[in-house]
Amino acid sequence: MYDNATALLLVDLQVDFMPTGMLPVAEGDAVVPLANALMPRYRTVVATQDWHPANHLSFAANHPWRKPGQVIDLEGLPQVLWPIHCVQDTWGAEFVDGLDTSGITEVFQKGTDPTIDSYSGFYDNGHRKSTGLADWLRERGIEEVHVMGLATDYCVKFTVLDALKEGFRVVLIEDATRGVELTPGDVVAAVREMRTAGARIARYDELG
């Protein structure tokens, strides 16, 4: 088991990001058994949860004549438009059935403000509001986070980058993530960006 200064961070292991969900991530379900196997090794396990209101402006359906994948300006930030997903209090926003949620210490919800998207588990996309995750981790003496989940090129990447900016050591468990790949090569580029920023890239079987 890892010491008290190390936490596992599970990013958005929710129904709508599974292959049959509203915003499917190919092979997203393949990382769930790895999450279950990893959780007992950590004293602190945090899960992030996309938790959007139905009127969220990142949803293409809330913009006439727009479709998923297009990019608009939203409150001064570039915004990819997505299918409706992870709406508060719906089945799609729940953690996937196969995930052993009894191993989760705390859940941090994000994307609750309809006017700005939140890929990172730490901040919204404009760094205007904090979820409180960084302070919560520091209060518990956490110095290193091991990150896995969905999706590599969006919520995982921005969670890792913000964790580094907050001063945590970060390990990306690469084979316990999967990406959206709106553009071919996005996942490779995301992993490169995380490594360049200071994250250590590891595989599940390399973790002690």
Protein backbone atom coordinates (compact mmCIF):
# COMPACT_ATOMS: atom_id res chain seq x y z
CA MET A 1 0.00 0.00 0.00
CA TYR A 2 1.18 3.53 -0.79
CA ASP A 3 1.94 5.90 2.05
CA ASN A 4 -0.43 8.57 3.33
CA ALA A 5 1.11 11.22 1.06
CA THR A 6 -0.01 9.51 -2.17
CA ALA A 7 -3.56 9.54 -3.58
CA LEU A 8 -5.26 7.87 -6.51
CA LEU A 9 -7.36 10.17 -8.68
CA LEU A 10 -10.11 8.57 -10.79
CA VAL A 11 -11.29 10.89 -13.55
CA ASP A 12 -14.92 10.70 -14.75
CA LEU A 13 -15.61 6.97 -14.72
CA GLN A 14 -19.25 7.63 -15.58
CA VAL A 15 -21.91 5.90 -17.66
CA ASP A 16 -22.01 8.53 -20.41
CA PHE A 17 -18.28 8.13 -21.12
CA MET A 18 -18.55 4.37 -21.59
CA PRO A 19 -18.72 2.97 -25.16
CA THR A 20 -22.53 2.85 -25.02
CA GLY A 21 -22.88 6.30 -23.43
CA MET A 22 -23.89 9.67 -24.82
CA LEU A 23 -20.26 10.82 -25.22
CA PRO A 24 -18.58 7.47 -25.78
CA VAL A 25 -14.87 6.96 -25.24
CA ALA A 26 -13.66 3.92 -27.18
CA GLU A 27 -12.65 1.14 -24.75
CA GLY A 28 -13.50 3.41 -21.83
CA ASP A 29 -14.90 0.40 -19.98
CA ALA A 30 -11.49 -1.29 -20.15
CA VAL A 31 -10.06 0.99 -17.46
CA VAL A 32 -12.71 0.17 -14.83
CA PRO A 33 -11.15 -3.18 -13.75
CA LEU A 34 -7.81 -1.39 -13.38
CA ALA A 35 -9.44 1.20 -11.11
CA ASN A 36 -10.89 -1.55 -8.95
CA ALA A 37 -7.52 -3.30 -8.73
CA LEU A 38 -5.68 -0.09 -7.86
CA MET A 39 -7.98 1.37 -5.20
CA PRO A 40 -6.98 -1.01 -2.36
CA ARG A 41 -3.36 0.14 -2.72
CA TYR A 42 -4.19 3.72 -1.66
CA ARG A 43 -5.41 5.19 1.60
CA THR A 44 -6.93 8.14 -0.27
CA VAL A 45 -8.95 7.71 -3.48
CA VAL A 46 -10.63 10.71 -5.09
CA ALA A 47 -13.12 10.50 -7.96
CA THR A 48 -14.13 13.40 -10.18
CA GLN A 49 -17.62 13.51 -11.65
CA ASP A 50 -18.93 15.59 -14.54
CA TRP A 51 -22.16 17.08 -13.17
CA HIS A 52 -23.73 19.35 -15.78
CA PRO A 53 -27.03 21.21 -15.61
CA ALA A 54 -29.25 20.43 -18.62
CA ASN A 55 -28.77 23.98 -19.95
CA HIS A 56 -24.98 23.74 -20.02
CA LEU A 57 -23.58 25.82 -22.86
CA SER A 58 -20.99 23.21 -23.79
CA PHE A 59 -23.84 21.11 -25.21
CA ALA A 60 -24.27 21.51 -28.96
CA ALA A 61 -28.02 20.99 -28.50
CA ASN A 62 -28.21 24.29 -26.61
CA HIS A 63 -26.96 26.25 -29.66
CA PRO A 64 -29.22 26.45 -32.76
CA TRP A 65 -27.64 25.03 -35.90
CA ARG A 66 -24.57 23.78 -34.08
CA LYS A 67 -23.34 20.21 -33.87
CA PRO A 68 -20.90 18.28 -31.66
CA GLY A 69 -17.26 18.83 -32.50
CA GLN A 70 -17.64 22.43 -33.56
CA VAL A 71 -15.74 25.09 -31.60
CA ILE A 72 -17.36 28.33 -30.48
CA ASP A 73 -16.41 31.25 -28.24
CA LEU A 74 -18.01 30.81 -24.82
CA GLU A 75 -17.50 33.54 -22.23
CA GLY A 76 -14.21 34.47 -23.90
CA LEU A 77 -12.85 30.92 -24.13
CA PRO A 78 -12.76 28.48 -27.06
CA GLN A 79 -15.34 25.78 -26.38
CA VAL A 80 -15.69 22.41 -28.09
CA LEU A 81 -19.38 21.57 -28.36
CA TRP A 82 -20.30 18.15 -27.01
CA PRO A 83 -23.34 15.88 -27.10
CA ILE A 84 -25.56 16.19 -24.03
CA HIS A 85 -23.86 14.13 -21.33
CA CYS A 86 -23.55 13.66 -17.56
CA VAL A 87 -26.61 15.75 -16.74
CA GLN A 88 -27.14 16.14 -13.00
CA ASP A 89 -29.25 13.41 -11.37
CA THR A 90 -29.48 11.28 -14.52
CA TRP A 91 -28.26 7.73 -15.04
CA GLY A 92 -25.61 8.91 -17.50
CA ALA A 93 -23.94 10.99 -14.80
CA GLU A 94 -23.65 8.08 -12.37
CA PHE A 95 -20.46 6.14 -11.87
CA VAL A 96 -20.43 3.04 -14.03
CA ASP A 97 -21.95 -0.02 -12.37
CA GLY A 98 -18.73 -2.01 -12.52
CA LEU A 99 -16.80 0.52 -10.44
CA ASP A 100 -16.35 -0.40 -6.77
CA THR A 101 -17.40 2.95 -5.33
CA SER A 102 -16.90 1.68 -1.78
CA GLY A 103 -13.18 2.30 -2.32
CA ILE A 104 -13.68 6.03 -3.03
CA THR A 105 -12.79 8.43 -0.22
CA GLU A 106 -14.29 11.61 -1.71
CA VAL A 107 -16.08 12.77 -4.88
CA PHE A 108 -15.52 16.17 -6.48
CA GLN A 109 -18.14 17.33 -8.99
CA LYS A 110 -17.31 19.69 -11.84
CA GLY A 111 -18.99 21.42 -14.76
CA THR A 112 -21.87 22.67 -12.62
CA ASP A 113 -21.77 26.26 -13.96
CA PRO A 114 -23.77 26.39 -17.23
CA THR A 115 -21.62 29.19 -18.64
CA ILE A 116 -18.19 27.51 -18.48
CA ASP A 117 -16.89 23.98 -19.01
CA SER A 118 -14.66 22.20 -16.50
CA TYR A 119 -12.35 19.51 -17.81
CA SER A 120 -9.99 19.58 -14.85
CA GLY A 121 -10.86 18.16 -11.47
CA PHE A 122 -9.24 21.25 -9.91
CA TYR A 123 -10.61 24.26 -11.82
CA ASP A 124 -13.00 25.30 -14.55
CA ASN A 125 -11.48 25.89 -17.98
CA GLY A 126 -10.89 29.58 -17.28
CA HIS A 127 -9.39 28.97 -13.82
CA ARG A 128 -12.11 31.25 -12.48
CA LYS A 129 -13.41 28.90 -9.80
CA SER A 130 -11.75 26.12 -7.83
CA THR A 131 -13.44 22.84 -6.98
CA GLY A 132 -11.54 22.79 -3.70
CA LEU A 133 -9.70 19.59 -4.60
CA ALA A 134 -6.19 21.01 -4.22
CA ASP A 135 -6.86 22.36 -0.73
CA TRP A 136 -8.60 19.12 0.26
CA LEU A 137 -5.56 17.09 -0.78
CA ARG A 138 -3.12 19.40 0.97
CA GLU A 139 -5.15 19.30 4.18
CA ARG A 140 -4.64 15.52 4.17
CA GLY A 141 -0.91 15.74 3.55
CA ILE A 142 -1.09 14.50 -0.03
CA GLU A 143 2.04 15.29 -2.04
CA GLU A 144 1.69 12.93 -5.02
CA VAL A 145 -1.31 11.96 -7.14
CA HIS A 146 -1.63 9.02 -9.50
CA VAL A 147 -4.14 9.82 -12.22
CA MET A 148 -6.24 7.52 -14.40
CA GLY A 149 -9.61 7.63 -16.15
CA LEU A 150 -11.36 9.40 -19.02
CA ALA A 151 -10.56 10.99 -21.28
CA THR A 152 -6.79 11.21 -21.82
CA ASP A 153 -6.92 14.19 -24.17
CA TYR A 154 -9.40 16.27 -22.17
CA CYS A 155 -10.35 15.77 -18.52
CA VAL A 156 -7.34 13.60 -17.63
CA LYS A 157 -4.88 15.96 -19.33
CA PHE A 158 -6.21 19.13 -17.71
CA THR A 159 -6.46 17.46 -14.31
CA VAL A 160 -2.81 16.40 -14.57
CA LEU A 161 -1.65 19.83 -15.72
CA ASP A 162 -3.51 21.59 -12.91
CA ALA A 163 -2.20 19.12 -10.32
CA LEU A 164 1.34 19.96 -11.43
CA LYS A 165 0.63 23.70 -11.27
CA GLU A 166 -0.67 23.19 -7.73
CA GLY A 167 2.68 21.68 -6.76
CA PHE A 168 1.79 17.99 -6.58
CA ARG A 169 4.00 15.28 -8.00
CA VAL A 170 1.96 13.51 -10.68
CA VAL A 171 2.06 10.04 -12.19
CA LEU A 172 -0.15 9.38 -15.22
CA ILE A 173 -1.15 5.71 -15.36
CA GLU A 174 -1.16 5.69 -19.14
CA ASP A 175 -2.74 2.31 -19.86
CA ALA A 176 -5.53 3.11 -17.37
CA THR A 177 -6.72 5.99 -19.56
CA ARG A 178 -8.49 6.21 -22.90
CA GLY A 179 -9.03 9.22 -25.18
CA VAL A 180 -11.72 10.87 -27.28
CA GLU A 181 -9.43 11.52 -30.29
CA LEU A 182 -11.56 14.15 -32.02
CA THR A 183 -8.48 14.53 -34.21
CA PRO A 184 -6.13 11.57 -34.80
CA GLY A 185 -3.02 11.95 -32.67
CA ASP A 186 -4.73 13.90 -29.87
CA VAL A 187 -3.94 11.23 -27.27
CA VAL A 188 -0.25 11.01 -28.18
CA ALA A 189 -0.02 14.80 -28.10
CA ALA A 190 -1.77 14.94 -24.72
CA VAL A 191 0.61 12.43 -23.15
CA ARG A 192 3.57 14.34 -24.57
CA GLU A 193 2.21 17.59 -23.11
CA MET A 194 1.76 16.02 -19.68
CA ARG A 195 5.26 14.56 -19.72
CA THR A 196 6.77 17.88 -20.81
CA ALA A 197 4.93 19.65 -17.97
CA GLY A 198 6.55 17.30 -15.46
CA ALA A 199 4.28 14.28 -15.08
CA ARG A 200 5.83 10.84 -14.83
CA ILE A 201 4.27 8.42 -17.29
CA ALA A 202 3.83 4.87 -16.00
CA ARG A 203 1.89 1.73 -16.76
CA TYR A 204 -0.36 -0.17 -14.37
CA ASP A 205 2.08 -3.05 -13.95
CA GLU A 206 4.92 -0.65 -13.11
CA LEU A 207 3.20 0.65 -9.99
CA GLY A 208 4.34 -0.91 -6.76
